[in-house]
Amino acid sequence: MPIEVEIITGRTIDQGKTVDEKLTEEYFKAVSYCELNEEDFKALGLKEGDRVKIKTEFGEVVVFAKIGSVPKGVVFIPMGPYANQITSDDTDGTGMPLFKGVRGIVEKTEENVKSVKEILGVE
């Protein structure tokens, strides 16, 4: 059963790679996951490494799920191509899109996580 969440994105040490490294397996592992509160994780019937689909008014994306130290009802996803699929590119004149507080739905899925190349549409 899906749950409603507030999505926040942010930088991580592993995510902060150079452009030359963004198509590597290391970068894929650093950005293709989300962190959920342990209660939400259990409510979704997840095991570490299971996949979830996150949907917002801006799009949807499939990522791996991990237990994190976020509050109940909040999902953290590292900044990058996966987070960009579910956030708006509208900057409201500030020059910076909204990367925090996006409302969405998370549900367990059997769908595969796309590669960074697939997300970016490059070969």
C-alpha atoms as a PDB file:
ATOM      1  CA  MET A   1       0.000   0.000   0.000  1.00  0.00           C
ATOM      2  CA  PRO A   2       1.491   3.386  -1.015  1.00  0.00           C
ATOM      3  CA  ILE A   3       2.233   6.053   1.570  1.00  0.00           C
ATOM      4  CA  GLU A   4       2.214   9.843   1.236  1.00  0.00           C
ATOM      5  CA  VAL A   5       5.541  11.517   1.958  1.00  0.00           C
ATOM      6  CA  GLU A   6       7.430  14.780   1.872  1.00  0.00           C
ATOM      7  CA  ILE A   7      10.534  14.465  -0.306  1.00  0.00           C
ATOM      8  CA  ILE A   8      13.782  16.199   0.472  1.00  0.00           C
ATOM      9  CA  THR A   9      16.912  16.078  -1.630  1.00  0.00           C
ATOM     10  CA  GLY A  10      20.424  16.903  -0.579  1.00  0.00           C
ATOM     11  CA  ARG A  11      24.074  16.484  -1.240  1.00  0.00           C
ATOM     12  CA  THR A  12      26.067  13.516  -0.006  1.00  0.00           C
ATOM     13  CA  ILE A  13      29.806  12.929  -0.099  1.00  0.00           C
ATOM     14  CA  ASP A  14      29.408  10.001  -2.513  1.00  0.00           C
ATOM     15  CA  GLN A  15      27.065  11.943  -4.799  1.00  0.00           C
ATOM     16  CA  GLY A  16      29.478  14.854  -5.206  1.00  0.00           C
ATOM     17  CA  LYS A  17      31.504  13.326  -8.039  1.00  0.00           C
ATOM     18  CA  THR A  18      33.023  15.039 -11.060  1.00  0.00           C
ATOM     19  CA  VAL A  19      31.254  15.048 -14.418  1.00  0.00           C
ATOM     20  CA  ASP A  20      33.657  12.408 -15.740  1.00  0.00           C
ATOM     21  CA  GLU A  21      32.503   9.947 -13.076  1.00  0.00           C
ATOM     22  CA  LYS A  22      28.745  10.370 -13.427  1.00  0.00           C
ATOM     23  CA  LEU A  23      28.327   7.348 -15.703  1.00  0.00           C
ATOM     24  CA  THR A  24      30.190   4.935 -13.422  1.00  0.00           C
ATOM     25  CA  GLU A  25      28.742   2.153 -11.281  1.00  0.00           C
ATOM     26  CA  GLU A  26      30.029   4.003  -8.201  1.00  0.00           C
ATOM     27  CA  TYR A  27      27.975   7.098  -9.066  1.00  0.00           C
ATOM     28  CA  PHE A  28      24.913   4.939  -9.847  1.00  0.00           C
ATOM     29  CA  LYS A  29      25.101   3.436  -6.355  1.00  0.00           C
ATOM     30  CA  ALA A  30      25.575   6.894  -4.817  1.00  0.00           C
ATOM     31  CA  VAL A  31      22.433   8.466  -6.300  1.00  0.00           C
ATOM     32  CA  SER A  32      19.931   5.696  -7.140  1.00  0.00           C
ATOM     33  CA  TYR A  33      18.461   5.209  -3.670  1.00  0.00           C
ATOM     34  CA  CYS A  34      16.209   6.844  -1.148  1.00  0.00           C
ATOM     35  CA  GLU A  35      16.162   6.759   2.635  1.00  0.00           C
ATOM     36  CA  LEU A  36      12.947   6.179   4.569  1.00  0.00           C
ATOM     37  CA  ASN A  37      12.094   6.167   8.245  1.00  0.00           C
ATOM     38  CA  GLU A  38      12.152   2.648   9.707  1.00  0.00           C
ATOM     39  CA  GLU A  39       8.388   2.729  10.425  1.00  0.00           C
ATOM     40  CA  ASP A  40       7.586   3.745   6.841  1.00  0.00           C
ATOM     41  CA  PHE A  41      10.048   1.155   5.547  1.00  0.00           C
ATOM     42  CA  LYS A  42       8.250  -1.585   7.478  1.00  0.00           C
ATOM     43  CA  ALA A  43       4.785  -0.245   6.557  1.00  0.00           C
ATOM     44  CA  LEU A  44       5.717  -0.677   2.896  1.00  0.00           C
ATOM     45  CA  GLY A  45       6.876  -4.246   3.567  1.00  0.00           C
ATOM     46  CA  LEU A  46      10.409  -3.488   2.413  1.00  0.00           C
ATOM     47  CA  LYS A  47      13.711  -5.237   2.908  1.00  0.00           C
ATOM     48  CA  GLU A  48      17.046  -3.433   2.495  1.00  0.00           C
ATOM     49  CA  GLY A  49      17.756  -3.129  -1.233  1.00  0.00           C
ATOM     50  CA  ASP A  50      14.131  -3.487  -2.350  1.00  0.00           C
ATOM     51  CA  ARG A  51      12.939  -1.025  -4.958  1.00  0.00           C
ATOM     52  CA  VAL A  52      10.350   1.708  -4.551  1.00  0.00           C
ATOM     53  CA  LYS A  53       8.588   3.967  -7.010  1.00  0.00           C
ATOM     54  CA  ILE A  54       8.367   7.596  -5.969  1.00  0.00           C
ATOM     55  CA  LYS A  55       5.683   9.673  -7.702  1.00  0.00           C
ATOM     56  CA  THR A  56       5.144  13.431  -7.572  1.00  0.00           C
ATOM     57  CA  GLU A  57       3.237  15.909  -9.696  1.00  0.00           C
ATOM     58  CA  PHE A  58       6.495  16.387 -11.636  1.00  0.00           C
ATOM     59  CA  GLY A  59       7.262  12.771 -12.502  1.00  0.00           C
ATOM     60  CA  GLU A  60       8.200   9.398 -11.112  1.00  0.00           C
ATOM     61  CA  VAL A  61      11.322   7.344 -10.556  1.00  0.00           C
ATOM     62  CA  VAL A  62      12.292   3.885  -9.304  1.00  0.00           C
ATOM     63  CA  VAL A  63      15.149   3.709  -6.786  1.00  0.00           C
ATOM     64  CA  PHE A  64      16.543   1.353  -4.169  1.00  0.00           C
ATOM     65  CA  ALA A  65      15.220   1.731  -0.607  1.00  0.00           C
ATOM     66  CA  LYS A  66      17.271   2.061   2.580  1.00  0.00           C
ATOM     67  CA  ILE A  67      16.431   2.789   6.193  1.00  0.00           C
ATOM     68  CA  GLY A  68      17.679   6.255   7.100  1.00  0.00           C
ATOM     69  CA  SER A  69      17.522   8.681   9.978  1.00  0.00           C
ATOM     70  CA  VAL A  70      14.698  10.756   8.528  1.00  0.00           C
ATOM     71  CA  PRO A  71      11.424  11.531  10.312  1.00  0.00           C
ATOM     72  CA  LYS A  72       8.321   9.445   9.642  1.00  0.00           C
ATOM     73  CA  GLY A  73       6.643  10.634   6.451  1.00  0.00           C
ATOM     74  CA  VAL A  74       9.862  12.018   4.943  1.00  0.00           C
ATOM     75  CA  VAL A  75      11.957  10.522   2.145  1.00  0.00           C
ATOM     76  CA  PHE A  76      15.522  11.644   1.416  1.00  0.00           C
ATOM     77  CA  ILE A  77      17.020  11.179  -2.050  1.00  0.00           C
ATOM     78  CA  PRO A  78      20.509  12.391  -3.047  1.00  0.00           C
ATOM     79  CA  MET A  79      20.662  15.243  -5.546  1.00  0.00           C
ATOM     80  CA  GLY A  80      21.253  13.965  -9.042  1.00  0.00           C
ATOM     81  CA  PRO A  81      19.456  12.532 -12.059  1.00  0.00           C
ATOM     82  CA  TYR A  82      17.036  10.375 -10.020  1.00  0.00           C
ATOM     83  CA  ALA A  83      15.964  13.235  -7.762  1.00  0.00           C
ATOM     84  CA  ASN A  84      15.582  15.458 -10.822  1.00  0.00           C
ATOM     85  CA  GLN A  85      12.904  13.104 -12.188  1.00  0.00           C
ATOM     86  CA  ILE A  86      10.568  13.981  -9.305  1.00  0.00           C
ATOM     87  CA  THR A  87      11.337  17.663  -8.694  1.00  0.00           C
ATOM     88  CA  SER A  88      10.328  20.726 -10.672  1.00  0.00           C
ATOM     89  CA  ASP A  89      12.748  22.686 -12.819  1.00  0.00           C
ATOM     90  CA  ASP A  90      10.755  25.866 -12.140  1.00  0.00           C
ATOM     91  CA  THR A  91      12.844  28.325 -10.131  1.00  0.00           C
ATOM     92  CA  ASP A  92      10.132  30.909  -9.377  1.00  0.00           C
ATOM     93  CA  GLY A  93      12.637  33.602 -10.303  1.00  0.00           C
ATOM     94  CA  THR A  94      15.185  32.550  -7.669  1.00  0.00           C
ATOM     95  CA  GLY A  95      17.491  30.623  -9.992  1.00  0.00           C
ATOM     96  CA  MET A  96      17.151  27.535  -7.782  1.00  0.00           C
ATOM     97  CA  PRO A  97      14.466  24.845  -8.142  1.00  0.00           C
ATOM     98  CA  LEU A  98      12.514  23.514  -5.156  1.00  0.00           C
ATOM     99  CA  PHE A  99      14.477  20.520  -3.848  1.00  0.00           C
ATOM    100  CA  LYS A 100      12.797  20.267  -0.451  1.00  0.00           C
ATOM    101  CA  GLY A 101       9.226  19.748   0.664  1.00  0.00           C
ATOM    102  CA  VAL A 102       7.906  18.161  -2.522  1.00  0.00           C
ATOM    103  CA  ARG A 103       4.834  16.039  -1.767  1.00  0.00           C
ATOM    104  CA  GLY A 104       4.740  12.558  -3.226  1.00  0.00           C
ATOM    105  CA  ILE A 105       3.734   8.932  -2.932  1.00  0.00           C
ATOM    106  CA  VAL A 106       6.074   6.002  -2.345  1.00  0.00           C
ATOM    107  CA  GLU A 107       5.215   2.386  -3.065  1.00  0.00           C
ATOM    108  CA  LYS A 108       7.078  -0.891  -3.300  1.00  0.00           C
ATOM    109  CA  THR A 109       7.691  -2.022  -6.878  1.00  0.00           C
ATOM    110  CA  GLU A 110       9.254  -4.853  -8.828  1.00  0.00           C
ATOM    111  CA  GLU A 111      10.274  -2.459 -11.609  1.00  0.00           C
ATOM    112  CA  ASN A 112      13.986  -2.148 -12.316  1.00  0.00           C
ATOM    113  CA  VAL A 113      16.031   0.911 -11.447  1.00  0.00           C
ATOM    114  CA  LYS A 114      17.121   2.577 -14.685  1.00  0.00           C
ATOM    115  CA  SER A 115      20.814   3.207 -15.261  1.00  0.00           C
ATOM    116  CA  VAL A 116      22.152   6.753 -15.168  1.00  0.00           C
ATOM    117  CA  LYS A 117      22.548   6.567 -18.962  1.00  0.00           C
ATOM    118  CA  GLU A 118      18.879   5.607 -19.340  1.00  0.00           C
ATOM    119  CA  ILE A 119      17.780   8.426 -17.035  1.00  0.00           C
ATOM    120  CA  LEU A 120      19.920  10.959 -18.912  1.00  0.00           C
ATOM    121  CA  GLY A 121      19.044   9.569 -22.346  1.00  0.00           C
ATOM    122  CA  VAL A 122      22.670   9.046 -23.410  1.00  0.00           C
ATOM    123  CA  GLU A 123      24.365   6.065 -25.006  1.00  0.00           C
END
